[in-house]
Amino acid sequence: MKSVQRSAQAASGGIAVKPIASAPLGAEVVCGDVRQLDSQQSRAIKQAWHEHLVLLFRGQTLSDDELVAFAQRFGKLSHPVAAHQLHGNVKTFMHPHVNVVSNVIENGVPIGSLGDGEAYWHTDFSFEEVPYAATLLHSLEIPPDGSGNTGFTNMYLAYETLPHDLRERIRGLSTKQDASYNSAGVLRRGYQPVTDVRVSPGPIHPLVRTHADTGRNCLYLGRRNFAYIVGLEVEASERLLDALWAHTDQPRFQWHHQWRVGDVLVWDNRCAMHHRDAFDPKSRRVMHKTMTEGDRPHFQPAADDNAKHPRGYLNTTSA
């Protein structure tokens, strides 16, 4: 943990990166207005993102164009959200690269997606062949009681702390990631209810993923609902997935963020999962989200021998 502690005092070009106290991932970046960042500062922030998995920027007031411009400091923009990935009668988004995450209904039409219920632990767009890398979420309105927190899990730690036999068992296995339902459990437009997880629509991704930028391996579960480990009997797949999810859902891997208006969170979907708490449906919550392109998940066994990640500091050979 020494490198993480040192980074709390580090500053580069007028920015400071402060790890979240007593958390296994996450850091606040103190840099003023993100619209004014220069290239040197942007490089330092991207490096901090690779190190801490989730970054918090307080007090930002960004238009959709400005949010998208900030996202491009983390990578190439993702393609616009397709109509079939929306559900119900969600209003068409005003900006092609910005999704609205909200429970607000105007004139009988939801202005955004995911409502006010719990959004289960998941990785954004794991149901695509090439999932996204960065997600940026900008808070515009939050419930007055501060509910609707977003939690994050460090998947480097989840992998490295698996019992040795279980870790060895999953190396080389892959999961089918169902595309039919969103993270709130709502059936997407144009899809049919899943009756057989072995043939549900969705890509196949490795259970252990090698991060393209850090070179470290992490657990890559995507989302639990209707997932299937390829090649196993359904019952065996369910038992193994249950064991992996039970291990991952431990507070020692997690940090839960309580939102303020003006917060921007940036997280790395390749090595972190996230979850949203339910909140009072009578309260307004409005977030704007954009994402960057990722890479096709792959697994390199030799990556376990690479230098330790600052937030995955456990020795994978001694668990």
C-alpha atoms as a PDB file:
ATOM      1  CA  MET A   1       0.000   0.000   0.000  1.00  0.00           C
ATOM      2  CA  LYS A   2       3.005   2.353   0.158  1.00  0.00           C
ATOM      3  CA  SER A   3       2.563   3.642  -3.395  1.00  0.00           C
ATOM      4  CA  VAL A   4      -1.088   4.435  -2.710  1.00  0.00           C
ATOM      5  CA  GLN A   5      -0.183   6.353   0.446  1.00  0.00           C
ATOM      6  CA  ARG A   6       2.477   8.337  -1.357  1.00  0.00           C
ATOM      7  CA  SER A   7       0.036   9.353  -4.065  1.00  0.00           C
ATOM      8  CA  ALA A   8      -2.122  11.080  -1.454  1.00  0.00           C
ATOM      9  CA  GLN A   9       0.594  13.750  -1.238  1.00  0.00           C
ATOM     10  CA  ALA A  10       1.383  13.826  -4.922  1.00  0.00           C
ATOM     11  CA  ALA A  11       0.602  16.805  -7.087  1.00  0.00           C
ATOM     12  CA  SER A  12       1.272  17.245 -10.798  1.00  0.00           C
ATOM     13  CA  GLY A  13       0.771  20.477 -12.664  1.00  0.00           C
ATOM     14  CA  GLY A  14      -1.595  21.927 -10.084  1.00  0.00           C
ATOM     15  CA  ILE A  15      -3.633  18.796  -9.361  1.00  0.00           C
ATOM     16  CA  ALA A  16      -3.683  16.605  -6.261  1.00  0.00           C
ATOM     17  CA  VAL A  17      -4.804  12.972  -6.096  1.00  0.00           C
ATOM     18  CA  LYS A  18      -6.159  11.987  -2.678  1.00  0.00           C
ATOM     19  CA  PRO A  19      -7.058   8.296  -2.132  1.00  0.00           C
ATOM     20  CA  ILE A  20     -10.391   7.802  -0.410  1.00  0.00           C
ATOM     21  CA  ALA A  21      -9.647   7.182   3.275  1.00  0.00           C
ATOM     22  CA  SER A  22      -9.706   3.513   4.344  1.00  0.00           C
ATOM     23  CA  ALA A  23     -11.116   2.422   0.960  1.00  0.00           C
ATOM     24  CA  PRO A  24      -9.676  -0.317  -1.287  1.00  0.00           C
ATOM     25  CA  LEU A  25     -10.229   1.807  -4.398  1.00  0.00           C
ATOM     26  CA  GLY A  26     -11.106   5.346  -5.386  1.00  0.00           C
ATOM     27  CA  ALA A  27      -9.444   8.761  -5.165  1.00  0.00           C
ATOM     28  CA  GLU A  28     -10.571  12.374  -5.223  1.00  0.00           C
ATOM     29  CA  VAL A  29      -8.823  14.566  -7.761  1.00  0.00           C
ATOM     30  CA  VAL A  30      -8.499  18.193  -6.702  1.00  0.00           C
ATOM     31  CA  CYS A  31      -7.914  20.168  -9.880  1.00  0.00           C
ATOM     32  CA  GLY A  32     -10.474  22.952 -10.127  1.00  0.00           C
ATOM     33  CA  ASP A  33     -12.535  23.177 -13.303  1.00  0.00           C
ATOM     34  CA  VAL A  34     -11.916  20.087 -15.453  1.00  0.00           C
ATOM     35  CA  ARG A  35     -12.620  22.162 -18.566  1.00  0.00           C
ATOM     36  CA  GLN A  36      -9.313  23.963 -17.981  1.00  0.00           C
ATOM     37  CA  LEU A  37      -7.023  20.922 -17.751  1.00  0.00           C
ATOM     38  CA  ASP A  38      -3.931  20.943 -19.949  1.00  0.00           C
ATOM     39  CA  SER A  39      -2.322  17.916 -21.596  1.00  0.00           C
ATOM     40  CA  GLN A  40       0.149  17.302 -18.745  1.00  0.00           C
ATOM     41  CA  GLN A  41      -2.645  17.345 -16.173  1.00  0.00           C
ATOM     42  CA  SER A  42      -4.774  15.059 -18.327  1.00  0.00           C
ATOM     43  CA  ARG A  43      -1.963  12.506 -18.513  1.00  0.00           C
ATOM     44  CA  ALA A  44      -1.537  12.606 -14.728  1.00  0.00           C
ATOM     45  CA  ILE A  45      -5.274  12.123 -14.216  1.00  0.00           C
ATOM     46  CA  LYS A  46      -5.416   9.177 -16.587  1.00  0.00           C
ATOM     47  CA  GLN A  47      -2.516   7.554 -14.737  1.00  0.00           C
ATOM     48  CA  ALA A  48      -4.350   8.121 -11.443  1.00  0.00           C
ATOM     49  CA  TRP A  49      -7.420   6.454 -12.963  1.00  0.00           C
ATOM     50  CA  HIS A  50      -5.355   3.374 -13.826  1.00  0.00           C
ATOM     51  CA  GLU A  51      -4.002   3.328 -10.282  1.00  0.00           C
ATOM     52  CA  HIS A  52      -7.191   3.969  -8.304  1.00  0.00           C
ATOM     53  CA  LEU A  53      -9.913   2.518 -10.629  1.00  0.00           C
ATOM     54  CA  VAL A  54     -12.426   5.241  -9.701  1.00  0.00           C
ATOM     55  CA  LEU A  55     -11.855   9.012  -9.621  1.00  0.00           C
ATOM     56  CA  LEU A  56     -14.044  11.684  -8.021  1.00  0.00           C
ATOM     57  CA  PHE A  57     -14.158  15.301  -9.189  1.00  0.00           C
ATOM     58  CA  ARG A  58     -16.194  17.653  -6.997  1.00  0.00           C
ATOM     59  CA  GLY A  59     -17.975  20.872  -7.887  1.00  0.00           C
ATOM     60  CA  GLN A  60     -18.214  20.534 -11.666  1.00  0.00           C
ATOM     61  CA  THR A  61     -20.859  22.322 -13.767  1.00  0.00           C
ATOM     62  CA  LEU A  62     -20.659  20.767 -17.210  1.00  0.00           C
ATOM     63  CA  SER A  63     -22.867  20.898 -20.253  1.00  0.00           C
ATOM     64  CA  ASP A  64     -23.291  17.657 -22.172  1.00  0.00           C
ATOM     65  CA  ASP A  65     -20.720  18.805 -24.737  1.00  0.00           C
ATOM     66  CA  GLU A  66     -18.268  19.596 -21.928  1.00  0.00           C
ATOM     67  CA  LEU A  67     -18.869  16.231 -20.250  1.00  0.00           C
ATOM     68  CA  VAL A  68     -18.158  14.497 -23.556  1.00  0.00           C
ATOM     69  CA  ALA A  69     -15.012  16.587 -24.052  1.00  0.00           C
ATOM     70  CA  PHE A  70     -13.804  15.570 -20.581  1.00  0.00           C
ATOM     71  CA  ALA A  71     -14.507  11.908 -21.390  1.00  0.00           C
ATOM     72  CA  GLN A  72     -12.201  12.122 -24.383  1.00  0.00           C
ATOM     73  CA  ARG A  73      -9.288  12.676 -21.992  1.00  0.00           C
ATOM     74  CA  PHE A  74      -9.778   9.015 -20.982  1.00  0.00           C
ATOM     75  CA  GLY A  75     -10.175   7.539 -24.450  1.00  0.00           C
ATOM     76  CA  LYS A  76     -12.181   7.507 -27.655  1.00  0.00           C
ATOM     77  CA  LEU A  77     -15.915   8.042 -27.223  1.00  0.00           C
ATOM     78  CA  SER A  78     -18.155   5.003 -27.348  1.00  0.00           C
ATOM     79  CA  HIS A  79     -20.779   4.705 -30.046  1.00  0.00           C
ATOM     80  CA  PRO A  80     -24.185   6.252 -29.292  1.00  0.00           C
ATOM     81  CA  VAL A  81     -26.626   4.176 -27.257  1.00  0.00           C
ATOM     82  CA  ALA A  82     -28.830   2.079 -29.526  1.00  0.00           C
ATOM     83  CA  ALA A  83     -32.616   2.287 -29.259  1.00  0.00           C
ATOM     84  CA  HIS A  84     -32.914  -1.395 -28.287  1.00  0.00           C
ATOM     85  CA  GLN A  85     -30.814  -0.733 -25.171  1.00  0.00           C
ATOM     86  CA  LEU A  86     -33.442   1.638 -23.830  1.00  0.00           C
ATOM     87  CA  HIS A  87     -36.567   0.309 -22.161  1.00  0.00           C
ATOM     88  CA  GLY A  88     -40.187   1.295 -21.883  1.00  0.00           C
ATOM     89  CA  ASN A  89     -40.879   4.761 -23.239  1.00  0.00           C
ATOM     90  CA  VAL A  90     -37.618   6.444 -22.267  1.00  0.00           C
ATOM     91  CA  LYS A  91     -37.363   9.763 -24.057  1.00  0.00           C
ATOM     92  CA  THR A  92     -34.778   9.954 -26.836  1.00  0.00           C
ATOM     93  CA  PHE A  93     -31.576  11.403 -25.422  1.00  0.00           C
ATOM     94  CA  MET A  94     -30.740  14.921 -26.544  1.00  0.00           C
ATOM     95  CA  HIS A  95     -27.012  14.255 -27.040  1.00  0.00           C
ATOM     96  CA  PRO A  96     -25.913  11.173 -29.006  1.00  0.00           C
ATOM     97  CA  HIS A  97     -23.109  10.362 -26.558  1.00  0.00           C
ATOM     98  CA  VAL A  98     -24.902  11.176 -23.288  1.00  0.00           C
ATOM     99  CA  ASN A  99     -27.365   8.925 -21.463  1.00  0.00           C
ATOM    100  CA  VAL A 100     -29.748  10.264 -18.846  1.00  0.00           C
ATOM    101  CA  VAL A 101     -29.967   8.133 -15.683  1.00  0.00           C
ATOM    102  CA  SER A 102     -33.049   9.290 -13.817  1.00  0.00           C
ATOM    103  CA  ASN A 103     -36.356   8.408 -12.185  1.00  0.00           C
ATOM    104  CA  VAL A 104     -38.016  11.647 -13.325  1.00  0.00           C
ATOM    105  CA  ILE A 105     -41.153  11.404 -15.460  1.00  0.00           C
ATOM    106  CA  GLU A 106     -42.303  14.349 -17.572  1.00  0.00           C
ATOM    107  CA  ASN A 107     -45.689  14.320 -19.281  1.00  0.00           C
ATOM    108  CA  GLY A 108     -45.939  10.601 -18.590  1.00  0.00           C
ATOM    109  CA  VAL A 109     -42.592   9.815 -20.221  1.00  0.00           C
ATOM    110  CA  PRO A 110     -39.379   8.874 -18.321  1.00  0.00           C
ATOM    111  CA  ILE A 111     -36.567  11.273 -19.167  1.00  0.00           C
ATOM    112  CA  GLY A 112     -33.955   8.615 -18.415  1.00  0.00           C
ATOM    113  CA  SER A 113     -33.308   5.006 -17.516  1.00  0.00           C
ATOM    114  CA  LEU A 114     -32.954   2.784 -14.412  1.00  0.00           C
ATOM    115  CA  GLY A 115     -35.689   4.484 -12.355  1.00  0.00           C
ATOM    116  CA  ASP A 116     -35.386   4.584  -8.557  1.00  0.00           C
ATOM    117  CA  GLY A 117     -34.849   0.925  -7.637  1.00  0.00           C
ATOM    118  CA  GLU A 118     -31.653  -0.873  -6.834  1.00  0.00           C
ATOM    119  CA  ALA A 119     -29.222  -1.343  -9.716  1.00  0.00           C
ATOM    120  CA  TYR A 120     -27.472  -4.644  -9.015  1.00  0.00           C
ATOM    121  CA  TRP A 121     -23.704  -5.106  -9.048  1.00  0.00           C
ATOM    122  CA  HIS A 122     -22.561  -5.050 -12.663  1.00  0.00           C
ATOM    123  CA  THR A 123     -20.054  -3.872 -15.234  1.00  0.00           C
ATOM    124  CA  ASP A 124     -21.350  -1.455 -17.863  1.00  0.00           C
ATOM    125  CA  PHE A 125     -22.060  -3.039 -21.230  1.00  0.00           C
ATOM    126  CA  SER A 126     -20.485  -6.408 -20.489  1.00  0.00           C
ATOM    127  CA  PHE A 127     -23.252  -7.707 -22.757  1.00  0.00           C
ATOM    128  CA  GLU A 128     -21.385  -6.319 -25.792  1.00  0.00           C
ATOM    129  CA  GLU A 129     -18.537  -8.012 -27.652  1.00  0.00           C
ATOM    130  CA  VAL A 130     -16.290  -5.032 -26.904  1.00  0.00           C
ATOM    131  CA  PRO A 131     -17.449  -3.512 -23.592  1.00  0.00           C
ATOM    132  CA  TYR A 132     -16.725   0.081 -22.657  1.00  0.00           C
ATOM    133  CA  ALA A 133     -13.692   1.173 -20.645  1.00  0.00           C
ATOM    134  CA  ALA A 134     -14.484   4.433 -18.821  1.00  0.00           C
ATOM    135  CA  THR A 135     -17.881   5.498 -17.552  1.00  0.00           C
ATOM    136  CA  LEU A 136     -18.341   9.131 -16.496  1.00  0.00           C
ATOM    137  CA  LEU A 137     -21.387  10.043 -14.406  1.00  0.00           C
ATOM    138  CA  HIS A 138     -22.231  13.687 -13.626  1.00  0.00           C
ATOM    139  CA  SER A 139     -24.773  14.479 -10.901  1.00  0.00           C
ATOM    140  CA  LEU A 140     -27.259  17.252 -11.685  1.00  0.00           C
ATOM    141  CA  GLU A 141     -29.980  16.526  -9.113  1.00  0.00           C
ATOM    142  CA  ILE A 142     -29.874  14.220  -6.086  1.00  0.00           C
ATOM    143  CA  PRO A 143     -32.443  13.226  -3.426  1.00  0.00           C
ATOM    144  CA  PRO A 144     -32.497  15.674  -0.496  1.00  0.00           C
ATOM    145  CA  ASP A 145     -31.594  12.916   1.964  1.00  0.00           C
ATOM    146  CA  GLY A 146     -28.496  11.997  -0.055  1.00  0.00           C
ATOM    147  CA  SER A 147     -29.754   8.487  -0.850  1.00  0.00           C
ATOM    148  CA  GLY A 148     -29.029   6.656  -4.069  1.00  0.00           C
ATOM    149  CA  ASN A 149     -25.365   5.990  -3.282  1.00  0.00           C
ATOM    150  CA  THR A 150     -23.146   4.276  -5.847  1.00  0.00           C
ATOM    151  CA  GLY A 151     -20.855   1.492  -4.661  1.00  0.00           C
ATOM    152  CA  PHE A 152     -17.719   0.165  -6.335  1.00  0.00           C
ATOM    153  CA  THR A 153     -15.787  -3.096  -6.006  1.00  0.00           C
ATOM    154  CA  ASN A 154     -12.089  -3.637  -6.702  1.00  0.00           C
ATOM    155  CA  MET A 155     -11.921  -6.656  -9.000  1.00  0.00           C
ATOM    156  CA  TYR A 156      -8.138  -6.928  -8.802  1.00  0.00           C
ATOM    157  CA  LEU A 157      -8.517  -7.654  -5.092  1.00  0.00           C
ATOM    158  CA  ALA A 158     -11.490  -9.924  -5.672  1.00  0.00           C
ATOM    159  CA  TYR A 159      -9.368 -12.051  -7.991  1.00  0.00           C
ATOM    160  CA  GLU A 160      -6.173 -12.034  -5.963  1.00  0.00           C
ATOM    161  CA  THR A 161      -7.932 -13.031  -2.735  1.00  0.00           C
ATOM    162  CA  LEU A 162      -9.790 -16.003  -4.182  1.00  0.00           C
ATOM    163  CA  PRO A 163      -8.881 -19.306  -2.554  1.00  0.00           C
ATOM    164  CA  HIS A 164      -6.067 -20.828  -4.593  1.00  0.00           C
ATOM    165  CA  ASP A 165      -8.113 -23.830  -5.793  1.00  0.00           C
ATOM    166  CA  LEU A 166     -10.994 -21.624  -6.911  1.00  0.00           C
ATOM    167  CA  ARG A 167      -8.691 -19.207  -8.687  1.00  0.00           C
ATOM    168  CA  GLU A 168      -7.013 -22.035 -10.559  1.00  0.00           C
ATOM    169  CA  ARG A 169     -10.376 -23.551 -11.450  1.00  0.00           C
ATOM    170  CA  ILE A 170     -11.698 -20.449 -13.219  1.00  0.00           C
ATOM    171  CA  ARG A 171      -8.566 -19.581 -15.171  1.00  0.00           C
ATOM    172  CA  GLY A 172      -9.461 -20.162 -18.809  1.00  0.00           C
ATOM    173  CA  LEU A 173     -13.219 -20.404 -18.212  1.00  0.00           C
ATOM    174  CA  SER A 174     -15.623 -17.999 -19.905  1.00  0.00           C
ATOM    175  CA  THR A 175     -19.126 -16.696 -19.265  1.00  0.00           C
ATOM    176  CA  LYS A 176     -21.957 -15.877 -21.586  1.00  0.00           C
ATOM    177  CA  GLN A 177     -23.177 -12.385 -20.646  1.00  0.00           C
ATOM    178  CA  ASP A 178     -26.921 -12.028 -21.178  1.00  0.00           C
ATOM    179  CA  ALA A 179     -27.988  -8.953 -23.150  1.00  0.00           C
ATOM    180  CA  SER A 180     -31.726  -9.249 -22.512  1.00  0.00           C
ATOM    181  CA  TYR A 181     -32.033  -7.329 -19.231  1.00  0.00           C
ATOM    182  CA  ASN A 182     -30.536  -4.127 -17.847  1.00  0.00           C
ATOM    183  CA  SER A 183     -28.886  -3.747 -14.432  1.00  0.00           C
ATOM    184  CA  ALA A 184     -32.240  -2.964 -12.795  1.00  0.00           C
ATOM    185  CA  GLY A 185     -33.637  -6.274 -14.058  1.00  0.00           C
ATOM    186  CA  VAL A 186     -35.839  -4.687 -16.745  1.00  0.00           C
ATOM    187  CA  LEU A 187     -36.243  -6.518 -20.057  1.00  0.00           C
ATOM    188  CA  ARG A 188     -34.758  -4.458 -22.871  1.00  0.00           C
ATOM    189  CA  ARG A 189     -36.827  -3.399 -25.830  1.00  0.00           C
ATOM    190  CA  GLY A 190     -36.927  -6.044 -28.570  1.00  0.00           C
ATOM    191  CA  TYR A 191     -35.790  -8.963 -26.368  1.00  0.00           C
ATOM    192  CA  GLN A 192     -37.670 -12.016 -25.151  1.00  0.00           C
ATOM    193  CA  PRO A 193     -37.613 -13.328 -21.554  1.00  0.00           C
ATOM    194  CA  VAL A 194     -34.754 -15.759 -20.951  1.00  0.00           C
ATOM    195  CA  THR A 195     -35.803 -19.394 -20.616  1.00  0.00           C
ATOM    196  CA  ASP A 196     -32.406 -21.073 -21.140  1.00  0.00           C
ATOM    197  CA  VAL A 197     -29.204 -19.309 -20.081  1.00  0.00           C
ATOM    198  CA  ARG A 198     -27.151 -21.473 -22.416  1.00  0.00           C
ATOM    199  CA  VAL A 199     -28.690 -19.910 -25.514  1.00  0.00           C
ATOM    200  CA  SER A 200     -29.667 -16.421 -24.351  1.00  0.00           C
ATOM    201  CA  PRO A 201     -28.313 -13.576 -26.514  1.00  0.00           C
ATOM    202  CA  GLY A 202     -24.981 -12.121 -25.486  1.00  0.00           C
ATOM    203  CA  PRO A 203     -21.195 -12.383 -25.929  1.00  0.00           C
ATOM    204  CA  ILE A 204     -18.756 -14.791 -24.288  1.00  0.00           C
ATOM    205  CA  HIS A 205     -16.053 -13.219 -22.099  1.00  0.00           C
ATOM    206  CA  PRO A 206     -13.254 -14.716 -19.955  1.00  0.00           C
ATOM    207  CA  LEU A 207     -13.880 -14.945 -16.196  1.00  0.00           C
ATOM    208  CA  VAL A 208     -10.364 -13.660 -15.603  1.00  0.00           C
ATOM    209  CA  ARG A 209      -9.506 -10.598 -17.648  1.00  0.00           C
ATOM    210  CA  THR A 210      -6.119  -9.057 -18.378  1.00  0.00           C
ATOM    211  CA  HIS A 211      -6.313  -5.280 -18.224  1.00  0.00           C
ATOM    212  CA  ALA A 212      -5.019  -3.827 -21.492  1.00  0.00           C
ATOM    213  CA  ASP A 213      -3.335  -0.834 -19.817  1.00  0.00           C
ATOM    214  CA  THR A 214      -2.110  -2.077 -16.429  1.00  0.00           C
ATOM    215  CA  GLY A 215      -1.214  -5.590 -17.578  1.00  0.00           C
ATOM    216  CA  ARG A 216      -2.746  -7.114 -14.424  1.00  0.00           C
ATOM    217  CA  ASN A 217      -5.373  -9.826 -14.157  1.00  0.00           C
ATOM    218  CA  CYS A 218      -8.702  -9.265 -12.437  1.00  0.00           C
ATOM    219  CA  LEU A 219     -11.991 -11.070 -11.981  1.00  0.00           C
ATOM    220  CA  TYR A 220     -14.482 -10.148 -14.711  1.00  0.00           C
ATOM    221  CA  LEU A 221     -18.025 -11.154 -13.769  1.00  0.00           C
ATOM    222  CA  GLY A 222     -20.014  -8.593 -15.738  1.00  0.00           C
ATOM    223  CA  ARG A 223     -23.452  -9.173 -14.248  1.00  0.00           C
ATOM    224  CA  ARG A 224     -25.086 -12.050 -12.432  1.00  0.00           C
ATOM    225  CA  ASN A 225     -28.584 -12.337 -13.918  1.00  0.00           C
ATOM    226  CA  PHE A 226     -28.766 -15.102 -16.529  1.00  0.00           C
ATOM    227  CA  ALA A 227     -24.976 -15.476 -16.742  1.00  0.00           C
ATOM    228  CA  TYR A 228     -23.687 -18.910 -17.758  1.00  0.00           C
ATOM    229  CA  ILE A 229     -20.226 -20.491 -17.616  1.00  0.00           C
ATOM    230  CA  VAL A 230     -19.677 -22.028 -21.013  1.00  0.00           C
ATOM    231  CA  GLY A 231     -19.241 -25.791 -21.108  1.00  0.00           C
ATOM    232  CA  LEU A 232     -20.713 -26.570 -17.686  1.00  0.00           C
ATOM    233  CA  GLU A 233     -24.048 -28.047 -16.774  1.00  0.00           C
ATOM    234  CA  VAL A 234     -26.391 -25.250 -15.773  1.00  0.00           C
ATOM    235  CA  GLU A 235     -26.477 -26.399 -12.136  1.00  0.00           C
ATOM    236  CA  ALA A 236     -22.674 -26.507 -11.952  1.00  0.00           C
ATOM    237  CA  SER A 237     -22.451 -23.093 -13.595  1.00  0.00           C
ATOM    238  CA  GLU A 238     -24.871 -21.643 -11.046  1.00  0.00           C
ATOM    239  CA  ARG A 239     -22.914 -23.083  -8.106  1.00  0.00           C
ATOM    240  CA  LEU A 240     -19.618 -21.729  -9.372  1.00  0.00           C
ATOM    241  CA  LEU A 241     -21.068 -18.307 -10.166  1.00  0.00           C
ATOM    242  CA  ASP A 242     -22.715 -18.160  -6.748  1.00  0.00           C
ATOM    243  CA  ALA A 243     -19.361 -18.877  -5.115  1.00  0.00           C
ATOM    244  CA  LEU A 244     -17.601 -16.168  -7.125  1.00  0.00           C
ATOM    245  CA  TRP A 245     -20.277 -13.563  -6.465  1.00  0.00           C
ATOM    246  CA  ALA A 246     -20.411 -14.408  -2.751  1.00  0.00           C
ATOM    247  CA  HIS A 247     -16.653 -13.889  -2.562  1.00  0.00           C
ATOM    248  CA  THR A 248     -16.791 -10.624  -4.510  1.00  0.00           C
ATOM    249  CA  ASP A 249     -19.632  -9.112  -2.485  1.00  0.00           C
ATOM    250  CA  GLN A 250     -17.496  -8.364   0.571  1.00  0.00           C
ATOM    251  CA  PRO A 251     -17.180  -4.899   2.164  1.00  0.00           C
ATOM    252  CA  ARG A 252     -13.367  -5.181   2.231  1.00  0.00           C
ATOM    253  CA  PHE A 253     -13.368  -4.799  -1.570  1.00  0.00           C
ATOM    254  CA  GLN A 254     -15.877  -1.927  -1.697  1.00  0.00           C
ATOM    255  CA  TRP A 255     -16.252   1.829  -1.479  1.00  0.00           C
ATOM    256  CA  HIS A 256     -19.680   3.523  -1.470  1.00  0.00           C
ATOM    257  CA  HIS A 257     -19.929   7.093  -2.701  1.00  0.00           C
ATOM    258  CA  GLN A 258     -22.552   9.515  -1.388  1.00  0.00           C
ATOM    259  CA  TRP A 259     -23.335  11.992  -4.128  1.00  0.00           C
ATOM    260  CA  ARG A 260     -23.313  15.774  -4.109  1.00  0.00           C
ATOM    261  CA  VAL A 261     -24.631  17.938  -6.929  1.00  0.00           C
ATOM    262  CA  GLY A 262     -21.736  18.674  -9.286  1.00  0.00           C
ATOM    263  CA  ASP A 263     -19.849  15.437  -8.659  1.00  0.00           C
ATOM    264  CA  VAL A 264     -18.299  13.637 -11.610  1.00  0.00           C
ATOM    265  CA  LEU A 265     -17.226  10.026 -11.103  1.00  0.00           C
ATOM    266  CA  VAL A 266     -15.016   8.235 -13.615  1.00  0.00           C
ATOM    267  CA  TRP A 267     -14.624   4.474 -13.245  1.00  0.00           C
ATOM    268  CA  ASP A 268     -12.881   1.707 -15.131  1.00  0.00           C
ATOM    269  CA  ASN A 269     -15.312  -1.026 -16.135  1.00  0.00           C
ATOM    270  CA  ARG A 270     -12.474  -3.397 -16.919  1.00  0.00           C
ATOM    271  CA  CYS A 271     -11.472  -3.782 -13.263  1.00  0.00           C
ATOM    272  CA  ALA A 272     -14.343  -2.388 -11.155  1.00  0.00           C
ATOM    273  CA  MET A 273     -18.010  -3.246 -10.735  1.00  0.00           C
ATOM    274  CA  HIS A 274     -20.634  -0.823  -9.449  1.00  0.00           C
ATOM    275  CA  HIS A 275     -24.032  -0.839  -7.769  1.00  0.00           C
ATOM    276  CA  ARG A 276     -26.694   1.771  -7.004  1.00  0.00           C
ATOM    277  CA  ASP A 277     -28.818   1.841  -3.878  1.00  0.00           C
ATOM    278  CA  ALA A 278     -32.557   2.333  -4.197  1.00  0.00           C
ATOM    279  CA  PHE A 279     -33.961   5.735  -3.185  1.00  0.00           C
ATOM    280  CA  ASP A 280     -37.289   7.449  -2.498  1.00  0.00           C
ATOM    281  CA  PRO A 281     -39.289   7.427  -5.762  1.00  0.00           C
ATOM    282  CA  LYS A 282     -40.785  10.809  -4.824  1.00  0.00           C
ATOM    283  CA  SER A 283     -37.311  12.379  -4.912  1.00  0.00           C
ATOM    284  CA  ARG A 284     -35.706  13.575  -8.126  1.00  0.00           C
ATOM    285  CA  ARG A 285     -32.379  12.132  -9.173  1.00  0.00           C
ATOM    286  CA  VAL A 286     -30.838  13.173 -12.499  1.00  0.00           C
ATOM    287  CA  MET A 287     -27.438  12.037 -13.739  1.00  0.00           C
ATOM    288  CA  HIS A 288     -25.820  12.382 -17.147  1.00  0.00           C
ATOM    289  CA  LYS A 289     -23.521   9.596 -18.309  1.00  0.00           C
ATOM    290  CA  THR A 290     -21.055   9.079 -21.123  1.00  0.00           C
ATOM    291  CA  MET A 291     -18.545   6.321 -21.878  1.00  0.00           C
ATOM    292  CA  THR A 292     -15.382   5.551 -23.807  1.00  0.00           C
ATOM    293  CA  GLU A 293     -14.498   2.649 -26.047  1.00  0.00           C
ATOM    294  CA  GLY A 294     -12.825  -0.367 -24.487  1.00  0.00           C
ATOM    295  CA  ASP A 295     -11.103  -3.483 -25.762  1.00  0.00           C
ATOM    296  CA  ARG A 296     -12.225  -7.047 -26.309  1.00  0.00           C
ATOM    297  CA  PRO A 297     -11.746  -8.932 -23.007  1.00  0.00           C
ATOM    298  CA  HIS A 298      -8.876 -11.396 -23.084  1.00  0.00           C
ATOM    299  CA  PHE A 299      -6.898 -13.488 -20.611  1.00  0.00           C
ATOM    300  CA  GLN A 300      -3.113 -13.837 -20.396  1.00  0.00           C
ATOM    301  CA  PRO A 301      -2.093 -16.343 -17.686  1.00  0.00           C
ATOM    302  CA  ALA A 302       1.425 -14.909 -17.492  1.00  0.00           C
ATOM    303  CA  ALA A 303       0.005 -11.543 -16.407  1.00  0.00           C
ATOM    304  CA  ASP A 304      -0.210 -12.927 -12.862  1.00  0.00           C
ATOM    305  CA  ASP A 305       3.578 -12.617 -12.768  1.00  0.00           C
ATOM    306  CA  ASN A 306       3.595  -8.923 -13.695  1.00  0.00           C
ATOM    307  CA  ALA A 307       4.429  -6.197 -11.187  1.00  0.00           C
ATOM    308  CA  LYS A 308       1.777  -5.779  -8.528  1.00  0.00           C
ATOM    309  CA  HIS A 309      -0.961  -3.244  -9.163  1.00  0.00           C
ATOM    310  CA  PRO A 310      -1.046  -0.456  -6.525  1.00  0.00           C
ATOM    311  CA  ARG A 311      -4.639  -1.368  -5.671  1.00  0.00           C
ATOM    312  CA  GLY A 312      -4.141  -5.110  -6.178  1.00  0.00           C
ATOM    313  CA  TYR A 313      -1.211  -5.378  -3.824  1.00  0.00           C
ATOM    314  CA  LEU A 314      -1.708  -8.960  -2.600  1.00  0.00           C
ATOM    315  CA  ASN A 315       0.622 -11.642  -3.899  1.00  0.00           C
ATOM    316  CA  THR A 316      -1.501 -13.929  -6.064  1.00  0.00           C
ATOM    317  CA  THR A 317       0.759 -16.899  -5.435  1.00  0.00           C
ATOM    318  CA  SER A 318       0.322 -16.898  -1.663  1.00  0.00           C
ATOM    319  CA  ALA A 319      -3.443 -16.656  -1.096  1.00  0.00           C
END
